[in-house]
Amino acid sequence: MSFYGQSDKAVLRHLGQRLRQARLRRNLSQQELADRVGVTRQTILSIERGRYNPSVGLALRLAETFGVTVEALFEIDRRETQIGRAHV
């Protein structure tokens, strides 16, 4: 277990979902986002699929691109994880 009792894979999937939602809300393709933050499209794809943990530097560049904090971009709802633990 890791963050708020979630497995590392669950946390990465959540981060990826949050990134994808933010990207789609701004009508950006994976390639456009990748170009803006200086990575490959495959890196964005891997993050969105929960297969890659972005570095602190990349997380900061992503947040800056969306005009939000890292915390806002990758927020994890503590209530959800506490409910999930209660059912374990």
C-alpha atoms as a PDB file:
ATOM      1  CA  MET A   1       0.000   0.000   0.000  1.00  0.00           C
ATOM      2  CA  SER A   2       1.082   3.551  -0.583  1.00  0.00           C
ATOM      3  CA  PHE A   3      -0.718   6.896  -0.817  1.00  0.00           C
ATOM      4  CA  TYR A   4      -3.813   6.866   1.416  1.00  0.00           C
ATOM      5  CA  GLY A   5      -3.836   3.084   1.381  1.00  0.00           C
ATOM      6  CA  GLN A   6      -3.925   2.801  -2.401  1.00  0.00           C
ATOM      7  CA  SER A   7      -1.511   0.652  -4.346  1.00  0.00           C
ATOM      8  CA  ASP A   8       1.097   2.358  -6.504  1.00  0.00           C
ATOM      9  CA  LYS A   9      -0.749   1.139  -9.614  1.00  0.00           C
ATOM     10  CA  ALA A  10      -4.035   2.639  -8.423  1.00  0.00           C
ATOM     11  CA  VAL A  11      -2.357   5.972  -7.730  1.00  0.00           C
ATOM     12  CA  LEU A  12      -0.689   6.018 -11.160  1.00  0.00           C
ATOM     13  CA  ARG A  13      -3.995   5.182 -12.864  1.00  0.00           C
ATOM     14  CA  HIS A  14      -5.651   8.037 -10.991  1.00  0.00           C
ATOM     15  CA  LEU A  15      -2.884  10.469 -11.964  1.00  0.00           C
ATOM     16  CA  GLY A  16      -3.243   9.392 -15.576  1.00  0.00           C
ATOM     17  CA  GLN A  17      -6.997   9.886 -15.536  1.00  0.00           C
ATOM     18  CA  ARG A  18      -6.611  13.376 -14.062  1.00  0.00           C
ATOM     19  CA  LEU A  19      -4.051  14.311 -16.726  1.00  0.00           C
ATOM     20  CA  ARG A  20      -6.237  12.982 -19.543  1.00  0.00           C
ATOM     21  CA  GLN A  21      -9.266  14.908 -18.233  1.00  0.00           C
ATOM     22  CA  ALA A  22      -7.249  18.130 -18.046  1.00  0.00           C
ATOM     23  CA  ARG A  23      -5.857  17.615 -21.549  1.00  0.00           C
ATOM     24  CA  LEU A  24      -9.253  16.897 -23.071  1.00  0.00           C
ATOM     25  CA  ARG A  25     -10.888  19.866 -21.326  1.00  0.00           C
ATOM     26  CA  ARG A  26      -8.390  22.069 -23.153  1.00  0.00           C
ATOM     27  CA  ASN A  27      -8.844  20.241 -26.461  1.00  0.00           C
ATOM     28  CA  LEU A  28      -5.176  19.274 -26.643  1.00  0.00           C
ATOM     29  CA  SER A  29      -3.916  16.190 -28.409  1.00  0.00           C
ATOM     30  CA  GLN A  30      -1.313  14.060 -26.690  1.00  0.00           C
ATOM     31  CA  GLN A  31       1.235  15.362 -29.193  1.00  0.00           C
ATOM     32  CA  GLU A  32       0.354  19.006 -28.527  1.00  0.00           C
ATOM     33  CA  LEU A  33       0.705  18.511 -24.779  1.00  0.00           C
ATOM     34  CA  ALA A  34       3.944  16.601 -25.240  1.00  0.00           C
ATOM     35  CA  ASP A  35       5.374  19.410 -27.360  1.00  0.00           C
ATOM     36  CA  ARG A  36       4.423  22.008 -24.752  1.00  0.00           C
ATOM     37  CA  VAL A  37       6.138  20.175 -21.885  1.00  0.00           C
ATOM     38  CA  GLY A  38       9.111  18.806 -23.823  1.00  0.00           C
ATOM     39  CA  VAL A  39       8.453  15.063 -23.853  1.00  0.00           C
ATOM     40  CA  THR A  40       7.332  12.512 -26.416  1.00  0.00           C
ATOM     41  CA  ARG A  41       3.716  11.657 -27.153  1.00  0.00           C
ATOM     42  CA  GLN A  42       4.486   8.173 -25.849  1.00  0.00           C
ATOM     43  CA  THR A  43       5.379   9.654 -22.446  1.00  0.00           C
ATOM     44  CA  ILE A  44       1.997  11.382 -22.225  1.00  0.00           C
ATOM     45  CA  LEU A  45       0.279   8.177 -23.327  1.00  0.00           C
ATOM     46  CA  SER A  46       2.170   6.178 -20.690  1.00  0.00           C
ATOM     47  CA  ILE A  47       1.223   8.615 -17.926  1.00  0.00           C
ATOM     48  CA  GLU A  48      -2.426   8.596 -18.997  1.00  0.00           C
ATOM     49  CA  ARG A  49      -2.475   4.798 -18.961  1.00  0.00           C
ATOM     50  CA  GLY A  50      -0.937   4.674 -15.502  1.00  0.00           C
ATOM     51  CA  ARG A  51       2.282   3.070 -16.693  1.00  0.00           C
ATOM     52  CA  TYR A  52       4.681   5.920 -15.995  1.00  0.00           C
ATOM     53  CA  ASN A  53       5.269   8.022 -12.908  1.00  0.00           C
ATOM     54  CA  PRO A  54       6.147  11.552 -14.032  1.00  0.00           C
ATOM     55  CA  SER A  55       9.181  13.193 -12.471  1.00  0.00           C
ATOM     56  CA  VAL A  56       8.709  16.205 -10.243  1.00  0.00           C
ATOM     57  CA  GLY A  57      10.006  18.420 -13.033  1.00  0.00           C
ATOM     58  CA  LEU A  58       7.553  17.003 -15.557  1.00  0.00           C
ATOM     59  CA  ALA A  59       4.663  17.256 -13.083  1.00  0.00           C
ATOM     60  CA  LEU A  60       5.547  20.923 -12.552  1.00  0.00           C
ATOM     61  CA  ARG A  61       5.682  21.594 -16.314  1.00  0.00           C
ATOM     62  CA  LEU A  62       2.332  19.860 -16.806  1.00  0.00           C
ATOM     63  CA  ALA A  63       0.714  21.889 -14.031  1.00  0.00           C
ATOM     64  CA  GLU A  64       2.181  25.114 -15.406  1.00  0.00           C
ATOM     65  CA  THR A  65       0.853  24.283 -18.867  1.00  0.00           C
ATOM     66  CA  PHE A  66      -2.655  23.936 -17.434  1.00  0.00           C
ATOM     67  CA  GLY A  67      -2.282  26.986 -15.194  1.00  0.00           C
ATOM     68  CA  VAL A  68      -2.834  25.031 -11.981  1.00  0.00           C
ATOM     69  CA  THR A  69      -0.766  23.670  -9.118  1.00  0.00           C
ATOM     70  CA  VAL A  70       0.571  20.130  -9.141  1.00  0.00           C
ATOM     71  CA  GLU A  71      -1.738  19.414  -6.216  1.00  0.00           C
ATOM     72  CA  ALA A  72      -4.779  20.582  -8.178  1.00  0.00           C
ATOM     73  CA  LEU A  73      -3.788  18.638 -11.294  1.00  0.00           C
ATOM     74  CA  PHE A  74      -3.116  15.358  -9.494  1.00  0.00           C
ATOM     75  CA  GLU A  75      -5.529  15.662  -6.569  1.00  0.00           C
ATOM     76  CA  ILE A  76      -6.508  12.430  -4.856  1.00  0.00           C
ATOM     77  CA  ASP A  77      -9.774  12.491  -2.962  1.00  0.00           C
ATOM     78  CA  ARG A  78      -8.998  11.294   0.559  1.00  0.00           C
ATOM     79  CA  ARG A  79     -12.629  10.391   1.184  1.00  0.00           C
ATOM     80  CA  GLU A  80     -12.610   7.901  -1.699  1.00  0.00           C
ATOM     81  CA  THR A  81      -9.516   6.177  -0.396  1.00  0.00           C
ATOM     82  CA  GLN A  82     -10.863   6.032   3.155  1.00  0.00           C
ATOM     83  CA  ILE A  83     -14.076   4.481   1.892  1.00  0.00           C
ATOM     84  CA  GLY A  84     -12.033   2.028  -0.146  1.00  0.00           C
ATOM     85  CA  ARG A  85      -9.999   1.018   2.914  1.00  0.00           C
ATOM     86  CA  ALA A  86     -13.162   0.509   4.953  1.00  0.00           C
ATOM     87  CA  HIS A  87     -14.250  -2.176   2.521  1.00  0.00           C
ATOM     88  CA  VAL A  88     -10.934  -4.035   2.533  1.00  0.00           C
END
